[in-house]
Protein backbone atom coordinates (compact mmCIF):
# COMPACT_ATOMS: atom_id res chain seq x y z
CA UNK A 1 23.30 -23.12 -2.90
CA UNK A 2 20.81 -20.54 -4.34
CA UNK A 3 20.25 -16.85 -3.13
CA UNK A 4 16.65 -15.99 -2.41
CA UNK A 5 15.64 -12.70 -2.18
CA UNK A 6 11.93 -12.64 0.04
CA UNK A 7 9.80 -9.40 -1.04
CA UNK A 8 7.28 -8.58 1.91
CA UNK A 9 4.75 -7.13 -0.02
CA UNK A 10 1.27 -5.10 0.88
CA UNK A 11 -0.36 -7.90 -0.53
CA UNK A 12 0.60 -11.54 -1.03
CA UNK A 13 -1.62 -12.35 -3.75
CA UNK A 14 -5.14 -11.06 -5.69
CA UNK A 15 -7.48 -12.70 -3.55
CA UNK A 16 -7.15 -9.56 -1.65
CA UNK A 17 -8.94 -7.72 -3.91
CA UNK A 18 -11.84 -10.01 -4.28
CA UNK A 19 -12.92 -10.00 -0.75
CA UNK A 20 -16.09 -8.50 -0.03
CA UNK A 21 -16.50 -5.39 1.76
CA UNK A 22 -16.93 -5.29 5.02
CA UNK A 23 -18.15 -2.80 7.07
CA UNK A 24 -16.53 0.67 7.57
CA UNK A 25 -17.77 3.44 9.93
CA UNK A 26 -18.02 6.17 6.11
CA UNK A 27 -20.69 8.07 5.93
CA UNK A 28 -23.70 7.78 2.82
CA UNK A 29 -24.50 10.10 -0.02
CA UNK A 30 -27.93 10.64 1.92
CA UNK A 31 -25.77 11.36 5.29
CA UNK A 32 -26.27 14.97 6.56
CA UNK A 33 -22.11 15.07 6.86
CA UNK A 34 -21.88 13.76 3.29
CA UNK A 35 -19.31 16.32 1.60
CA UNK A 36 -18.24 15.10 -1.37
CA UNK A 37 -14.22 15.09 -2.66
CA UNK A 38 -13.90 18.09 -5.22
CA UNK A 39 -15.54 20.12 -2.44
CA UNK A 40 -12.67 19.59 -0.56
CA UNK A 41 -9.90 20.35 -2.99
CA UNK A 42 -9.90 24.17 -3.51
CA UNK A 43 -9.26 24.62 0.41
CA UNK A 44 -6.87 21.67 0.60
CA UNK A 45 -3.08 22.47 1.68
CA UNK A 46 -0.04 20.10 2.39
CA UNK A 47 0.30 22.09 5.23
CA UNK A 48 -1.45 20.50 8.27
CA UNK A 49 -3.91 22.95 10.05
CA UNK A 50 -6.13 21.59 12.77
CA UNK A 51 -7.96 24.58 12.71
CA UNK A 52 -8.82 24.86 9.30
CA UNK A 53 -12.11 25.00 7.86
CA UNK A 54 -11.47 22.34 5.52
CA UNK A 55 -12.13 19.11 6.68
CA UNK A 56 -8.85 17.41 5.04
CA UNK A 57 -6.75 20.32 5.80
CA UNK A 58 -7.97 20.00 9.93
CA UNK A 59 -7.60 16.42 9.67
CA UNK A 60 -10.88 15.31 10.23
CA UNK A 61 -12.82 11.92 10.01
CA UNK A 62 -15.04 13.24 7.45
CA UNK A 63 -12.16 13.85 5.34
CA UNK A 64 -11.60 10.19 4.87
CA UNK A 65 -15.12 9.07 4.61
CA UNK A 66 -14.82 11.24 1.26
CA UNK A 67 -11.73 9.60 -0.03
CA UNK A 68 -13.37 6.37 0.47
CA UNK A 69 -16.58 7.19 -1.39
CA UNK A 70 -14.12 8.92 -4.13
CA UNK A 71 -12.40 5.88 -4.28
CA UNK A 72 -15.88 3.56 -4.60
CA UNK A 73 -17.03 5.95 -6.95
CA UNK A 74 -14.11 5.52 -9.11
CA UNK A 75 -13.47 1.84 -8.99
CA UNK A 76 -17.33 0.93 -10.02
CA UNK A 77 -16.62 2.03 -13.94
CA UNK A 78 -13.23 0.19 -13.43
CA UNK A 79 -15.07 -3.05 -12.95
CA UNK A 80 -17.79 -2.80 -14.75
CA UNK A 81 -15.32 -2.38 -18.24
CA UNK A 82 -13.08 -4.66 -16.58
CA UNK A 83 -10.10 -2.36 -16.81
CA UNK A 84 -7.29 -3.58 -15.25
CA UNK A 85 -6.95 -0.47 -13.43
CA UNK A 86 -9.16 -2.04 -11.05
CA UNK A 87 -6.47 -4.23 -9.29
CA UNK A 88 -4.46 -1.61 -7.79
CA UNK A 89 -8.13 0.76 -7.50
CA UNK A 90 -9.14 -1.78 -5.57
CA UNK A 91 -6.77 -2.76 -3.05
CA UNK A 92 -6.03 0.88 -2.45
CA UNK A 93 -10.00 1.00 -1.55
CA UNK A 94 -9.78 -1.94 1.04
CA UNK A 95 -6.72 -0.39 2.42
CA UNK A 96 -8.00 2.98 3.12
CA UNK A 97 -11.27 1.04 4.33
CA UNK A 98 -9.42 -0.49 7.17
CA UNK A 99 -7.03 2.95 8.28
CA UNK A 100 -10.86 3.99 8.92
CA UNK A 101 -11.37 1.05 10.93
CA UNK A 102 -8.09 1.50 12.45
CA UNK A 103 -9.07 5.15 13.51
CA UNK A 104 -12.09 3.95 15.63
CA UNK A 105 -9.37 3.34 18.26
CA UNK A 106 -8.59 6.92 19.86
CA UNK A 107 -5.63 5.34 20.69
CA UNK A 108 -3.88 4.01 18.25
CA UNK A 109 -2.14 6.91 16.57
CA UNK A 110 -0.59 9.56 18.79
CA UNK A 111 -1.99 12.01 16.68
CA UNK A 112 -4.53 11.02 14.57
CA UNK A 113 -5.98 14.08 12.67
CA UNK A 114 -2.13 14.71 11.18
CA UNK A 115 -2.47 11.17 9.86
CA UNK A 116 -6.03 11.74 8.09
CA UNK A 117 -4.53 14.82 6.68
CA UNK A 118 -1.72 12.45 5.33
CA UNK A 119 -4.07 10.31 3.80
CA UNK A 120 -6.11 12.97 1.98
CA UNK A 121 -2.53 14.62 0.56
CA UNK A 122 -1.40 10.81 -0.15
CA UNK A 123 -4.55 10.32 -1.99
CA UNK A 124 -4.59 13.25 -3.89
CA UNK A 125 -1.74 12.00 -5.88
CA UNK A 126 -3.06 8.95 -6.69
CA UNK A 127 -5.95 10.59 -8.07
CA UNK A 128 -4.49 13.05 -9.66
CA UNK A 129 -2.49 10.75 -11.55
CA UNK A 130 -5.41 8.96 -12.15
CA UNK A 131 -7.82 12.01 -13.81
CA UNK A 132 -4.77 13.05 -16.22
CA UNK A 133 -4.18 10.04 -17.50
CA UNK A 134 -8.15 9.05 -17.98
CA UNK A 135 -8.50 12.57 -19.06
CA UNK A 136 -6.44 12.17 -21.96
CA UNK A 137 -3.47 14.95 -20.43
CA UNK A 138 -0.73 11.32 -20.47
CA UNK A 139 2.05 14.32 -20.56
CA UNK A 140 0.56 15.40 -16.70
CA UNK A 141 1.28 11.98 -15.50
CA UNK A 142 4.25 11.10 -13.43
CA UNK A 143 6.57 8.79 -15.73
CA UNK A 144 5.55 5.94 -12.37
CA UNK A 145 2.16 5.91 -13.22
CA UNK A 146 2.58 6.04 -16.56
CA UNK A 147 4.05 2.51 -16.76
CA UNK A 148 1.17 1.24 -14.70
CA UNK A 149 -1.86 2.93 -16.89
CA UNK A 150 -0.18 2.03 -20.18
CA UNK A 151 0.39 -2.11 -18.71
CA UNK A 152 -3.33 -1.86 -17.31
CA UNK A 153 -4.68 -0.21 -20.50
CA UNK A 154 -2.70 -2.75 -22.67
CA UNK A 155 -3.03 -5.60 -20.85
CA UNK A 156 0.88 -6.15 -20.61
CA UNK A 157 0.84 -7.52 -17.48
CA UNK A 158 -1.11 -9.65 -15.14
CA UNK A 159 -3.21 -8.58 -12.41
CA UNK A 160 -0.16 -9.52 -10.30
CA UNK A 161 1.87 -7.26 -12.08
CA UNK A 162 -0.93 -4.51 -12.47
CA UNK A 163 -0.74 -3.94 -8.56
CA UNK A 164 2.76 -4.29 -7.86
CA UNK A 165 3.04 -1.16 -10.21
CA UNK A 166 0.73 0.33 -8.76
CA UNK A 167 2.01 -0.10 -5.37
CA UNK A 168 6.02 0.64 -6.52
CA UNK A 169 3.82 4.01 -7.92
CA UNK A 170 2.53 5.52 -5.10
CA UNK A 171 4.66 3.98 -2.32
CA UNK A 172 8.23 4.60 -4.23
CA UNK A 173 7.56 7.73 -5.89
CA UNK A 174 3.75 9.05 -3.86
CA UNK A 175 4.88 8.56 -0.38
CA UNK A 176 8.30 10.28 -0.16
CA UNK A 177 6.67 13.01 -1.99
CA UNK A 178 3.61 13.24 0.22
CA UNK A 179 5.78 12.86 3.95
CA UNK A 180 8.24 15.73 2.45
CA UNK A 181 4.92 17.77 1.64
CA UNK A 182 3.68 17.54 5.19
CA UNK A 183 6.69 17.62 7.20
CA UNK A 184 8.39 14.73 9.24
CA UNK A 185 8.00 16.46 12.58
CA UNK A 186 5.76 17.93 14.88
CA UNK A 187 5.93 21.27 16.05
CA UNK A 188 7.79 20.99 18.98
CA UNK A 189 10.19 19.30 17.02
CA UNK A 190 9.94 15.54 17.75
CA UNK A 191 9.62 13.14 15.13
CA UNK A 192 6.05 11.69 13.62
CA UNK A 193 8.24 8.35 12.91
CA UNK A 194 6.06 7.20 15.66
CA UNK A 195 2.49 7.58 13.69
CA UNK A 196 3.96 6.30 10.60
CA UNK A 197 5.33 3.16 11.75
CA UNK A 198 2.22 2.22 13.06
CA UNK A 199 0.72 2.28 9.80
CA UNK A 200 2.62 -0.92 9.12
CA UNK A 201 0.79 -2.57 11.98
CA UNK A 202 -2.92 -2.10 10.18
CA UNK A 203 -1.57 -2.69 6.62
CA UNK A 204 -0.77 -6.41 7.91
CA UNK A 205 -4.79 -6.71 8.60
CA UNK A 206 -6.29 -5.49 5.35
CA UNK A 207 -8.33 -8.46 3.98
CA UNK A 208 -6.74 -10.29 6.53
CA UNK A 209 -3.59 -10.94 4.34
CA UNK A 210 -0.12 -11.37 4.73
CA UNK A 211 3.09 -12.99 3.98
CA UNK A 212 5.73 -13.21 1.51
CA UNK A 213 6.53 -13.01 -2.37
CA UNK A 214 9.90 -15.02 -3.03
CA UNK A 215 12.36 -14.66 -5.34
CA UNK A 216 14.70 -17.17 -6.21
CA UNK A 217 17.78 -16.85 -7.68
CA UNK A 218 21.10 -17.43 -8.45
CA UNK A 219 21.60 -14.27 -10.85
CA UNK A 220 22.58 -11.60 -8.46
CA UNK A 221 21.61 -8.70 -10.54
CA UNK A 222 18.42 -10.00 -10.46
CA UNK A 223 18.18 -9.47 -6.50
CA UNK A 224 19.90 -6.10 -7.21
CA UNK A 225 16.84 -4.80 -9.69
CA UNK A 226 14.28 -6.47 -7.68
CA UNK A 227 15.53 -4.31 -4.42
CA UNK A 228 15.73 -1.16 -6.79
CA UNK A 229 12.41 -1.69 -8.24
CA UNK A 230 10.80 -2.07 -4.90
CA UNK A 231 12.94 -0.29 -2.46
CA UNK A 232 10.47 0.41 0.25
CA UNK A 233 9.68 -3.35 0.99
CA UNK A 234 11.87 -5.46 3.36
CA UNK A 235 14.17 -7.84 1.89
CA UNK A 236 15.87 -10.88 2.97
CA UNK A 237 18.48 -12.99 1.19
CA UNK A 238 19.10 -16.36 2.57
CA UNK A 239 20.90 -19.60 0.87
CA UNK A 240 18.33 -22.06 -0.25
CA UNK A 241 19.27 -25.61 -0.56
CA UNK A 242 17.80 -27.76 -3.61
CA UNK A 243 15.68 -30.88 -3.08
CA UNK A 244 18.82 -33.09 -3.36
CA UNK A 245 20.85 -31.33 -0.95
CA UNK A 246 18.24 -30.54 1.57
CA UNK A 247 17.80 -34.49 1.83
CA UNK A 248 21.36 -35.38 1.97
CA UNK A 249 21.40 -32.32 4.87
CA UNK A 250 18.55 -33.96 6.86
CA UNK A 251 20.24 -37.43 6.42
CA UNK A 252 23.55 -35.84 7.70
CA UNK A 253 21.58 -34.79 10.61
CA UNK A 254 19.81 -37.72 11.45
CA UNK A 255 22.90 -40.09 11.37
CA UNK A 256 24.72 -37.11 13.70
CA UNK A 257 21.16 -37.53 15.99
CA UNK A 258 21.36 -41.21 16.42
CA UNK A 259 24.84 -41.75 16.99
CA UNK A 260 24.82 -39.39 19.88
CA UNK A 261 21.96 -40.61 21.56
CA UNK A 262 22.36 -40.63 25.19
CA UNK A 263 22.68 -44.59 26.68
CA UNK A 264 19.78 -45.49 28.26
């Protein structure tokens, strides 16, 4: 029997990245409500303050719209140049667009404004790493992001590889940092884990995808390596029969069933 580690990922295949953008309630550049992302940075703090005049610090929905516009503006030249950074950038955009649709339901999260704030703080970590790399300030790029951007620039891995490296940097590195900065509890001391868990509910709707990536190996070191690199994902290790063994087992099952048929 061969142990198999089943890795549940945010995207099972790059087909998600090829899906057309569906409608999202984000304002256009001509909309009076339009606020450019750079204009929000001076007053953006990691601490959530619903009374702040800064849309992102206060968790206003227009901040989410600004994040989406910023993602779209960054994606355009990547697609034009066939830059491998486009793979993760597009999946992240689709994820944020789905988040924007999700918060149209005022009851989906307990504290939507706080999650909007989290969305901005989380995205800023990606934007900062992206900008540092593309402006040549590579000593300012966190190591996890350096791995992705270097692989993309040199086309060292497949599109799926670019996606997974980006997810590893943003989920395994950035997410814990963002959560530590914004706080894990409400002012009354209760946990915000209920809203954090809700994120998983909309993630599976991104591009109508979902599923499992399967790593089949009899090398325990490979399983250890996978679970270390992708520590944020859920793993299940289970025995897998090869074709011959599966056929033999099924044959035994048939024989057992036939020998235990009740008399008519």
